[in-house]
C-alpha atoms as a PDB file:
ATOM      1  CA  MET A   1      37.307  70.364  12.017  1.00  0.00           C
ATOM      2  CA  MET A   2      36.994  73.336   9.778  1.00  0.00           C
ATOM      3  CA  MET A   3      35.943  76.594  10.801  1.00  0.00           C
ATOM      4  CA  ASN A   4      34.999  79.494   8.732  1.00  0.00           C
ATOM      5  CA  PRO A   5      36.228  82.872   9.663  1.00  0.00           C
ATOM      6  CA  GLY A   6      33.335  84.075  11.421  1.00  0.00           C
ATOM      7  CA  GLN A   7      33.384  80.657  13.657  1.00  0.00           C
ATOM      8  CA  ARG A   8      37.178  81.234  14.307  1.00  0.00           C
ATOM      9  CA  TYR A   9      36.542  84.640  15.440  1.00  0.00           C
ATOM     10  CA  GLY A  10      33.540  83.518  17.543  1.00  0.00           C
ATOM     11  CA  TRP A  11      35.737  81.359  19.614  1.00  0.00           C
ATOM     12  CA  PHE A  12      38.359  84.245  19.718  1.00  0.00           C
ATOM     13  CA  THR A  13      35.509  86.126  21.273  1.00  0.00           C
ATOM     14  CA  THR A  14      34.234  83.740  24.075  1.00  0.00           C
ATOM     15  CA  GLY A  15      37.696  82.475  24.494  1.00  0.00           C
ATOM     16  CA  ILE A  16      40.050  85.466  24.269  1.00  0.00           C
ATOM     17  CA  LEU A  17      38.024  88.751  23.621  1.00  0.00           C
ATOM     18  CA  LEU A  18      37.231  88.429  27.495  1.00  0.00           C
ATOM     19  CA  LEU A  19      40.301  90.363  28.122  1.00  0.00           C
ATOM     20  CA  LEU A  20      38.945  93.518  26.919  1.00  0.00           C
ATOM     21  CA  THR A  21      36.496  96.424  27.651  1.00  0.00           C
ATOM     22  CA  SER A  22      36.207  95.779  31.181  1.00  0.00           C
ATOM     23  CA  SER A  23      37.247  97.364  34.720  1.00  0.00           C
ATOM     24  CA  PHE A  24      40.942  97.954  35.374  1.00  0.00           C
ATOM     25  CA  THR A  25      43.520  98.385  38.269  1.00  0.00           C
ATOM     26  CA  ARG A  26      46.044 100.972  38.085  1.00  0.00           C
ATOM     27  CA  SER A  27      49.076 101.083  40.107  1.00  0.00           C
ATOM     28  CA  ALA A  28      51.132 104.436  40.702  1.00  0.00           C
ATOM     29  CA  GLY A  29      53.668 105.118  38.107  1.00  0.00           C
ATOM     30  CA  GLN A  30      52.424 102.629  35.813  1.00  0.00           C
ATOM     31  CA  PRO A  31      50.840 103.318  32.172  1.00  0.00           C
ATOM     32  CA  ASP A  32      47.066 103.817  32.071  1.00  0.00           C
ATOM     33  CA  VAL A  33      45.857 100.074  31.650  1.00  0.00           C
ATOM     34  CA  GLN A  34      42.470 101.137  30.920  1.00  0.00           C
ATOM     35  CA  LYS A  35      43.633 103.310  28.024  1.00  0.00           C
ATOM     36  CA  ILE A  36      45.999 100.573  26.802  1.00  0.00           C
ATOM     37  CA  VAL A  37      43.403  98.062  26.489  1.00  0.00           C
ATOM     38  CA  GLN A  38      40.787 100.355  24.870  1.00  0.00           C
ATOM     39  CA  LEU A  39      43.189 101.467  22.164  1.00  0.00           C
ATOM     40  CA  SER A  40      43.965  97.677  21.740  1.00  0.00           C
ATOM     41  CA  ALA A  41      40.306  96.837  21.383  1.00  0.00           C
ATOM     42  CA  ALA A  42      39.598  99.509  18.897  1.00  0.00           C
ATOM     43  CA  ALA A  43      42.881  98.268  16.823  1.00  0.00           C
ATOM     44  CA  ILE A  44      41.896  94.899  16.865  1.00  0.00           C
ATOM     45  CA  GLN A  45      38.340  95.571  15.678  1.00  0.00           C
ATOM     46  CA  SER A  46      39.710  97.814  12.895  1.00  0.00           C
ATOM     47  CA  ASP A  47      42.174  94.819  11.935  1.00  0.00           C
ATOM     48  CA  TRP A  48      39.556  92.018  12.062  1.00  0.00           C
ATOM     49  CA  GLN A  49      37.110  94.143  10.058  1.00  0.00           C
ATOM     50  CA  GLN A  50      39.609  93.801   7.086  1.00  0.00           C
ATOM     51  CA  GLU A  51      39.801  90.073   7.063  1.00  0.00           C
ATOM     52  CA  PRO A  52      36.825  89.458   4.790  1.00  0.00           C
ATOM     53  CA  TYR A  53      38.663  91.465   2.191  1.00  0.00           C
ATOM     54  CA  LEU A  54      41.875  88.927   2.381  1.00  0.00           C
ATOM     55  CA  ASP A  55      42.519  85.414   1.397  1.00  0.00           C
ATOM     56  CA  ASP A  56      45.090  83.216   3.324  1.00  0.00           C
ATOM     57  CA  VAL A  57      46.718  79.829   3.429  1.00  0.00           C
ATOM     58  CA  GLU A  58      45.297  77.814   6.467  1.00  0.00           C
ATOM     59  CA  ARG A  59      46.533  74.683   8.227  1.00  0.00           C
ATOM     60  CA  ASP A  60      44.106  72.971  10.600  1.00  0.00           C
ATOM     61  CA  GLU A  61      45.240  70.190  12.702  1.00  0.00           C
ATOM     62  CA  ASP A  62      43.155  68.054  15.268  1.00  0.00           C
ATOM     63  CA  THR A  63      44.429  65.791  17.881  1.00  0.00           C
ATOM     64  CA  LYS A  64      42.001  63.390  19.315  1.00  0.00           C
ATOM     65  CA  GLY A  65      42.378  59.970  21.220  1.00  0.00           C
ATOM     66  CA  GLY A  66      46.182  60.080  20.419  1.00  0.00           C
ATOM     67  CA  LYS A  67      45.578  60.593  16.484  1.00  0.00           C
ATOM     68  CA  THR A  68      46.380  63.754  14.663  1.00  0.00           C
ATOM     69  CA  THR A  69      44.999  64.755  11.476  1.00  0.00           C
ATOM     70  CA  SER A  70      45.279  67.881   9.222  1.00  0.00           C
ATOM     71  CA  GLU A  71      44.093  69.734   6.300  1.00  0.00           C
ATOM     72  CA  THR A  72      45.619  72.605   4.381  1.00  0.00           C
ATOM     73  CA  TYR A  73      43.512  74.758   2.286  1.00  0.00           C
ATOM     74  CA  ASP A  74      43.036  78.256   0.439  1.00  0.00           C
ATOM     75  CA  ALA A  75      40.722  80.153   2.793  1.00  0.00           C
ATOM     76  CA  MET A  76      38.948  82.249  -0.197  1.00  0.00           C
ATOM     77  CA  MET A  77      36.260  85.012  -0.022  1.00  0.00           C
ATOM     78  CA  ILE A  78      33.800  84.176  -2.841  1.00  0.00           C
ATOM     79  CA  ASP A  79      31.160  86.689  -3.575  1.00  0.00           C
ATOM     80  CA  GLY A  80      30.665  87.811   0.063  1.00  0.00           C
ATOM     81  CA  SER A  81      31.088  84.591   2.044  1.00  0.00           C
ATOM     82  CA  PRO A  82      34.081  82.144   2.448  1.00  0.00           C
ATOM     83  CA  TYR A  83      35.137  78.770   0.788  1.00  0.00           C
ATOM     84  CA  ASN A  84      37.745  76.604   1.899  1.00  0.00           C
ATOM     85  CA  HIS A  85      39.704  74.925  -1.034  1.00  0.00           C
ATOM     86  CA  ILE A  86      41.680  72.048  -0.046  1.00  0.00           C
ATOM     87  CA  ILE A  87      45.160  71.632  -1.184  1.00  0.00           C
ATOM     88  CA  ALA A  88      46.682  69.022   1.047  1.00  0.00           C
ATOM     89  CA  ARG A  89      46.046  66.465   3.749  1.00  0.00           C
ATOM     90  CA  ASN A  90      48.171  65.386   6.420  1.00  0.00           C
ATOM     91  CA  ASP A  91      50.823  67.578   5.146  1.00  0.00           C
ATOM     92  CA  MET A  92      50.836  65.762   1.788  1.00  0.00           C
ATOM     93  CA  PRO A  93      49.903  66.913  -1.840  1.00  0.00           C
ATOM     94  CA  LEU A  94      46.681  65.677  -3.055  1.00  0.00           C
ATOM     95  CA  SER A  95      46.526  63.118  -5.439  1.00  0.00           C
ATOM     96  CA  SER A  96      45.783  63.978  -9.049  1.00  0.00           C
ATOM     97  CA  GLU A  97      42.456  62.678  -8.943  1.00  0.00           C
ATOM     98  CA  GLU A  98      41.581  64.442  -5.573  1.00  0.00           C
ATOM     99  CA  GLU A  99      43.133  67.775  -6.778  1.00  0.00           C
ATOM    100  CA  ALA A 100      40.913  67.628 -10.033  1.00  0.00           C
ATOM    101  CA  ARG A 101      37.902  66.792  -7.870  1.00  0.00           C
ATOM    102  CA  GLN A 102      38.728  69.987  -5.443  1.00  0.00           C
ATOM    103  CA  LYS A 103      39.169  72.048  -8.605  1.00  0.00           C
ATOM    104  CA  GLU A 104      35.773  70.986  -9.930  1.00  0.00           C
ATOM    105  CA  GLN A 105      34.045  71.730  -6.783  1.00  0.00           C
ATOM    106  CA  LEU A 106      35.551  75.089  -6.596  1.00  0.00           C
ATOM    107  CA  GLN A 107      34.362  75.945 -10.071  1.00  0.00           C
ATOM    108  CA  GLU A 108      30.918  74.693  -8.990  1.00  0.00           C
ATOM    109  CA  VAL A 109      30.873  77.088  -6.114  1.00  0.00           C
ATOM    110  CA  TYR A 110      31.765  79.800  -8.491  1.00  0.00           C
ATOM    111  CA  THR A 111      29.230  78.957 -10.807  1.00  0.00           C
ATOM    112  CA  LYS A 112      26.399  78.468  -8.170  1.00  0.00           C
ATOM    113  CA  ARG A 113      26.922  81.731  -6.535  1.00  0.00           C
ATOM    114  CA  ALA A 114      27.149  83.609  -9.883  1.00  0.00           C
ATOM    115  CA  ASN A 115      23.645  82.114 -10.563  1.00  0.00           C
ATOM    116  CA  GLU A 116      22.124  82.672  -7.398  1.00  0.00           C
ATOM    117  CA  SER A 117      18.662  84.330  -7.188  1.00  0.00           C
ATOM    118  CA  PRO A 118      18.929  87.801  -5.257  1.00  0.00           C
ATOM    119  CA  GLN A 119      17.279  86.156  -2.055  1.00  0.00           C
ATOM    120  CA  GLU A 120      19.661  83.125  -2.113  1.00  0.00           C
ATOM    121  CA  ARG A 121      22.582  85.567  -2.240  1.00  0.00           C
ATOM    122  CA  ALA A 122      21.275  87.699   0.544  1.00  0.00           C
ATOM    123  CA  ASP A 123      20.647  84.678   2.611  1.00  0.00           C
ATOM    124  CA  ARG A 124      23.985  83.033   2.158  1.00  0.00           C
ATOM    125  CA  ILE A 125      25.811  86.317   2.980  1.00  0.00           C
ATOM    126  CA  ALA A 126      23.468  87.094   5.845  1.00  0.00           C
ATOM    127  CA  LYS A 127      24.556  83.738   7.484  1.00  0.00           C
ATOM    128  CA  TYR A 128      28.168  84.483   7.293  1.00  0.00           C
ATOM    129  CA  GLN A 129      27.687  88.063   8.478  1.00  0.00           C
ATOM    130  CA  LYS A 130      25.755  86.812  11.273  1.00  0.00           C
ATOM    131  CA  GLU A 131      29.085  85.249  12.878  1.00  0.00           C
ATOM    132  CA  TRP A 132      30.766  88.559  12.276  1.00  0.00           C
ATOM    133  CA  LYS A 133      28.073  90.517  14.111  1.00  0.00           C
ATOM    134  CA  ARG A 134      28.132  88.208  17.099  1.00  0.00           C
ATOM    135  CA  VAL A 135      31.931  88.775  17.406  1.00  0.00           C
ATOM    136  CA  PHE A 136      31.553  92.537  17.762  1.00  0.00           C
ATOM    137  CA  VAL A 137      28.339  92.346  19.895  1.00  0.00           C
ATOM    138  CA  LEU A 138      30.107  90.226  22.348  1.00  0.00           C
ATOM    139  CA  LEU A 139      32.967  92.575  22.370  1.00  0.00           C
ATOM    140  CA  ARG A 140      30.648  95.606  23.159  1.00  0.00           C
ATOM    141  CA  ASN A 141      28.820  93.728  25.816  1.00  0.00           C
ATOM    142  CA  LEU A 142      31.876  92.345  28.023  1.00  0.00           C
ATOM    143  CA  LYS A 143      32.387  95.213  30.150  1.00  0.00           C
ATOM    144  CA  GLY A 144      32.381  94.304  33.905  1.00  0.00           C
ATOM    145  CA  ALA A 145      33.366  90.841  33.438  1.00  0.00           C
ATOM    146  CA  PHE A 146      37.018  91.169  34.555  1.00  0.00           C
ATOM    147  CA  ASP A 147      39.646  93.133  36.468  1.00  0.00           C
ATOM    148  CA  PHE A 148      42.927  94.020  34.705  1.00  0.00           C
ATOM    149  CA  GLN A 149      46.191  94.644  35.927  1.00  0.00           C
ATOM    150  CA  LEU A 150      49.430  95.672  34.430  1.00  0.00           C
ATOM    151  CA  THR A 151      51.936  92.877  35.355  1.00  0.00           C
ATOM    152  CA  GLY A 152      55.045  94.102  33.612  1.00  0.00           C
ATOM    153  CA  GLU A 153      56.604  94.474  30.365  1.00  0.00           C
ATOM    154  CA  GLU A 154      58.474  91.835  27.921  1.00  0.00           C
ATOM    155  CA  THR A 155      59.656  91.430  24.310  1.00  0.00           C
ATOM    156  CA  VAL A 156      57.732  88.680  22.534  1.00  0.00           C
ATOM    157  CA  ASP A 157      58.490  87.809  18.730  1.00  0.00           C
ATOM    158  CA  GLY A 158      60.644  91.084  18.464  1.00  0.00           C
ATOM    159  CA  HIS A 159      57.825  93.220  19.849  1.00  0.00           C
ATOM    160  CA  ASN A 160      57.984  95.194  22.989  1.00  0.00           C
ATOM    161  CA  VAL A 161      54.835  94.472  24.754  1.00  0.00           C
ATOM    162  CA  TYR A 162      52.750  95.343  27.952  1.00  0.00           C
ATOM    163  CA  VAL A 163      51.694  92.291  29.881  1.00  0.00           C
ATOM    164  CA  ILE A 164      48.237  92.359  31.442  1.00  0.00           C
ATOM    165  CA  ARG A 165      46.444  89.852  33.435  1.00  0.00           C
ATOM    166  CA  ALA A 166      42.714  89.385  33.555  1.00  0.00           C
ATOM    167  CA  THR A 167      40.922  87.937  36.578  1.00  0.00           C
ATOM    168  CA  PRO A 168      37.229  87.376  36.637  1.00  0.00           C
ATOM    169  CA  ARG A 169      34.777  89.568  38.764  1.00  0.00           C
ATOM    170  CA  PRO A 170      32.951  88.051  41.371  1.00  0.00           C
ATOM    171  CA  ASP A 171      29.982  90.155  40.970  1.00  0.00           C
ATOM    172  CA  TYR A 172      29.842  89.491  37.033  1.00  0.00           C
ATOM    173  CA  GLN A 173      26.239  88.565  35.797  1.00  0.00           C
ATOM    174  CA  PRO A 174      26.482  87.017  32.331  1.00  0.00           C
ATOM    175  CA  ASP A 175      23.595  88.650  30.108  1.00  0.00           C
ATOM    176  CA  SER A 176      23.483  86.020  27.327  1.00  0.00           C
ATOM    177  CA  ARG A 177      24.187  82.275  26.761  1.00  0.00           C
ATOM    178  CA  GLU A 178      27.466  83.159  24.813  1.00  0.00           C
ATOM    179  CA  THR A 179      28.883  85.258  27.725  1.00  0.00           C
ATOM    180  CA  LYS A 180      28.421  82.649  30.262  1.00  0.00           C
ATOM    181  CA  ILE A 181      31.761  81.345  29.729  1.00  0.00           C
ATOM    182  CA  LEU A 182      33.481  84.515  30.661  1.00  0.00           C
ATOM    183  CA  ALA A 183      32.470  83.843  34.492  1.00  0.00           C
ATOM    184  CA  GLY A 184      34.848  81.021  34.619  1.00  0.00           C
ATOM    185  CA  MET A 185      38.136  82.136  32.695  1.00  0.00           C
ATOM    186  CA  GLN A 186      40.999  84.139  33.186  1.00  0.00           C
ATOM    187  CA  GLY A 187      44.044  84.864  30.997  1.00  0.00           C
ATOM    188  CA  THR A 188      46.836  87.195  29.926  1.00  0.00           C
ATOM    189  CA  LEU A 189      47.176  89.810  27.000  1.00  0.00           C
ATOM    190  CA  TRP A 190      50.466  90.662  25.451  1.00  0.00           C
ATOM    191  CA  ILE A 191      49.813  94.060  23.750  1.00  0.00           C
ATOM    192  CA  ASP A 192      52.404  95.747  21.515  1.00  0.00           C
ATOM    193  CA  LYS A 193      53.604  99.085  23.011  1.00  0.00           C
ATOM    194  CA  ASP A 194      53.855 100.750  19.577  1.00  0.00           C
ATOM    195  CA  THR A 195      50.802  99.980  17.725  1.00  0.00           C
ATOM    196  CA  TYR A 196      48.475  98.390  20.453  1.00  0.00           C
ATOM    197  CA  ARG A 197      47.949  95.267  18.829  1.00  0.00           C
ATOM    198  CA  TRP A 198      47.739  91.866  20.368  1.00  0.00           C
ATOM    199  CA  VAL A 199      50.991  89.987  20.000  1.00  0.00           C
ATOM    200  CA  LYS A 200      49.650  87.034  22.038  1.00  0.00           C
ATOM    201  CA  VAL A 201      46.676  86.073  24.200  1.00  0.00           C
ATOM    202  CA  GLU A 202      46.299  83.110  26.469  1.00  0.00           C
ATOM    203  CA  ALA A 203      43.051  82.174  28.257  1.00  0.00           C
ATOM    204  CA  GLU A 204      41.810  79.200  30.371  1.00  0.00           C
ATOM    205  CA  VAL A 205      38.594  77.999  31.956  1.00  0.00           C
ATOM    206  CA  ILE A 206      39.144  77.989  35.723  1.00  0.00           C
ATOM    207  CA  LYS A 207      35.588  76.715  36.591  1.00  0.00           C
ATOM    208  CA  PRO A 208      32.842  74.757  34.986  1.00  0.00           C
ATOM    209  CA  VAL A 209      30.549  76.703  32.757  1.00  0.00           C
ATOM    210  CA  TRP A 210      27.296  75.307  31.325  1.00  0.00           C
ATOM    211  CA  PHE A 211      25.687  76.038  28.099  1.00  0.00           C
ATOM    212  CA  GLY A 212      22.529  75.687  26.255  1.00  0.00           C
ATOM    213  CA  TRP A 213      20.136  74.460  28.965  1.00  0.00           C
ATOM    214  CA  PHE A 214      22.694  72.227  30.746  1.00  0.00           C
ATOM    215  CA  VAL A 215      23.583  70.243  27.471  1.00  0.00           C
ATOM    216  CA  ALA A 216      27.084  71.216  27.203  1.00  0.00           C
ATOM    217  CA  LYS A 217      29.625  71.926  29.993  1.00  0.00           C
ATOM    218  CA  VAL A 218      33.075  73.410  29.578  1.00  0.00           C
ATOM    219  CA  ASP A 219      35.258  72.256  32.316  1.00  0.00           C
ATOM    220  CA  PRO A 220      38.801  73.500  33.774  1.00  0.00           C
ATOM    221  CA  GLY A 221      41.589  72.767  31.602  1.00  0.00           C
ATOM    222  CA  THR A 222      40.025  74.051  28.390  1.00  0.00           C
ATOM    223  CA  GLN A 223      42.801  76.762  27.249  1.00  0.00           C
ATOM    224  CA  PHE A 224      43.018  79.012  24.165  1.00  0.00           C
ATOM    225  CA  LEU A 225      45.884  80.582  22.614  1.00  0.00           C
ATOM    226  CA  LEU A 226      46.272  83.363  20.031  1.00  0.00           C
ATOM    227  CA  GLU A 227      49.413  85.046  18.311  1.00  0.00           C
ATOM    228  CA  GLN A 228      48.929  87.746  15.732  1.00  0.00           C
ATOM    229  CA  THR A 229      51.212  89.388  13.399  1.00  0.00           C
ATOM    230  CA  PRO A 230      51.577  92.031  10.876  1.00  0.00           C
ATOM    231  CA  VAL A 231      50.288  90.974   7.625  1.00  0.00           C
ATOM    232  CA  ARG A 232      49.963  94.211   5.532  1.00  0.00           C
ATOM    233  CA  ALA A 233      50.665  97.813   6.259  1.00  0.00           C
ATOM    234  CA  GLY A 234      48.892  98.948   9.126  1.00  0.00           C
ATOM    235  CA  ILE A 235      47.140  95.347   9.728  1.00  0.00           C
ATOM    236  CA  TRP A 236      47.594  92.694  12.237  1.00  0.00           C
ATOM    237  CA  LEU A 237      45.982  89.367  11.758  1.00  0.00           C
ATOM    238  CA  PRO A 238      46.269  85.935  13.324  1.00  0.00           C
ATOM    239  CA  ARG A 239      49.211  83.593  12.449  1.00  0.00           C
ATOM    240  CA  HIS A 240      48.206  80.896  14.990  1.00  0.00           C
ATOM    241  CA  PHE A 241      45.186  79.805  17.099  1.00  0.00           C
ATOM    242  CA  ARG A 242      45.328  76.937  19.200  1.00  0.00           C
ATOM    243  CA  MET A 243      42.299  75.435  21.639  1.00  0.00           C
ATOM    244  CA  HIS A 244      42.337  72.563  23.931  1.00  0.00           C
ATOM    245  CA  VAL A 245      38.842  71.647  24.757  1.00  0.00           C
ATOM    246  CA  ASP A 246      37.816  69.657  27.818  1.00  0.00           C
ATOM    247  CA  ALA A 247      34.156  69.587  27.956  1.00  0.00           C
ATOM    248  CA  SER A 248      31.058  67.183  28.259  1.00  0.00           C
ATOM    249  CA  VAL A 249      28.303  67.104  25.798  1.00  0.00           C
ATOM    250  CA  LEU A 250      25.188  65.503  26.541  1.00  0.00           C
ATOM    251  CA  TRP A 251      27.011  63.414  29.190  1.00  0.00           C
ATOM    252  CA  HIS A 252      29.913  62.403  26.943  1.00  0.00           C
ATOM    253  CA  HIS A 253      33.392  63.908  27.641  1.00  0.00           C
ATOM    254  CA  LYS A 254      35.397  65.407  24.849  1.00  0.00           C
ATOM    255  CA  ASP A 255      39.023  66.194  25.094  1.00  0.00           C
ATOM    256  CA  TYR A 256      40.690  67.338  21.932  1.00  0.00           C
ATOM    257  CA  THR A 257      43.262  69.925  20.750  1.00  0.00           C
ATOM    258  CA  HIS A 258      42.445  72.106  17.492  1.00  0.00           C
ATOM    259  CA  ASP A 259      45.128  74.173  15.969  1.00  0.00           C
ATOM    260  CA  GLU A 260      45.217  76.653  13.103  1.00  0.00           C
ATOM    261  CA  THR A 261      47.963  78.430  11.321  1.00  0.00           C
ATOM    262  CA  TYR A 262      47.633  81.150   8.670  1.00  0.00           C
ATOM    263  CA  LYS A 263      50.060  82.544   6.246  1.00  0.00           C
ATOM    264  CA  ASP A 264      50.270  84.373   2.912  1.00  0.00           C
ATOM    265  CA  TYR A 265      47.469  86.624   3.407  1.00  0.00           C
ATOM    266  CA  ARG A 266      46.630  88.584  -0.015  1.00  0.00           C
ATOM    267  CA  PRO A 267      43.870  90.441  -1.387  1.00  0.00           C
ATOM    268  CA  THR A 268      40.884  88.324  -2.129  1.00  0.00           C
ATOM    269  CA  SER A 269      40.202  87.493  -5.755  1.00  0.00           C
ATOM    270  CA  GLY A 270      37.627  86.107  -8.069  1.00  0.00           C
ATOM    271  CA  PRO A 271      37.834  83.364 -10.758  1.00  0.00           C
ATOM    272  CA  SER A 272      39.896  85.601 -13.235  1.00  0.00           C
ATOM    273  CA  GLY A 273      42.453  86.203 -10.275  1.00  0.00           C
ATOM    274  CA  GLU A 274      41.629  89.755 -10.326  1.00  0.00           C
ATOM    275  CA  PRO A 275      40.960  91.377  -6.870  1.00  0.00           C
ATOM    276  CA  GLN A 276      37.123  91.315  -5.880  1.00  0.00           C
ATOM    277  CA  THR A 277      35.294  94.407  -5.227  1.00  0.00           C
ATOM    278  CA  THR A 278      32.335  92.897  -3.374  1.00  0.00           C
ATOM    279  CA  THR A 279      31.097  95.764  -0.917  1.00  0.00           C
ATOM    280  CA  ASN A 280      29.016  93.318   0.995  1.00  0.00           C
ATOM    281  CA  LYS A 281      31.946  92.375   2.879  1.00  0.00           C
ATOM    282  CA  ALA A 282      32.083  95.681   4.556  1.00  0.00           C
ATOM    283  CA  ASN A 283      28.719  95.347   5.687  1.00  0.00           C
ATOM    284  CA  SER A 284      29.306  92.319   7.646  1.00  0.00           C
ATOM    285  CA  HIS A 285      30.851  94.647  10.606  1.00  0.00           C
END
């Protein structure tokens, strides 16, 4: 199940960004939890705004019904929106025929986007930007969903972190379809003490949440994990994202795990290999 970057961060928002911009508890002698989380929110938004400027290598793994499959691809930004160029399946190199076919498809994308009408280009980029706007709109509208408590300090992946626990507020009233999931979730956030970046976030659904006029129900047992790392000077981005989904859609039960890993972040480039200067990326936020 491939996700474009906007979809990926949409899941982060509905499953993990719940841990930000809320109400907080503070114990005597402890650091200001509200300040920690507010600084973290600002740092993460700044970092994620840089993601469309960077390509990376991504591996997606899906496990369903006891079967695991994976695809590895170059996640590339091409003229203002992403394209996933497959380079391996199930951790095996592509056959020469498949590799040639994928390269041909990549060239077709370059050609098609280079020859778009202004309206076609605007529509394509707007569709991608819509996902990003959803991420940051949700971030700004999560206030009041959770109570936060600093539970301690630890070392995670060599980083000294604050450990902050989030529990849902009983008086929280979701104001949109997307934020309904927050009413049934809790989680823990590990924040780097020096940079206020997220090192790790875990969240889980603790009571059923309905979506889309009772078409889909996310059940207890659905879990999310995000792990981040410094990728460039002053920028942290994801290195690992996993979600285990326990849900009912149109009365059919779905139970599967989707796992993504990311590496080799680099400035996005065009067909010549030179860095692109597409200003539209900045407008997606």
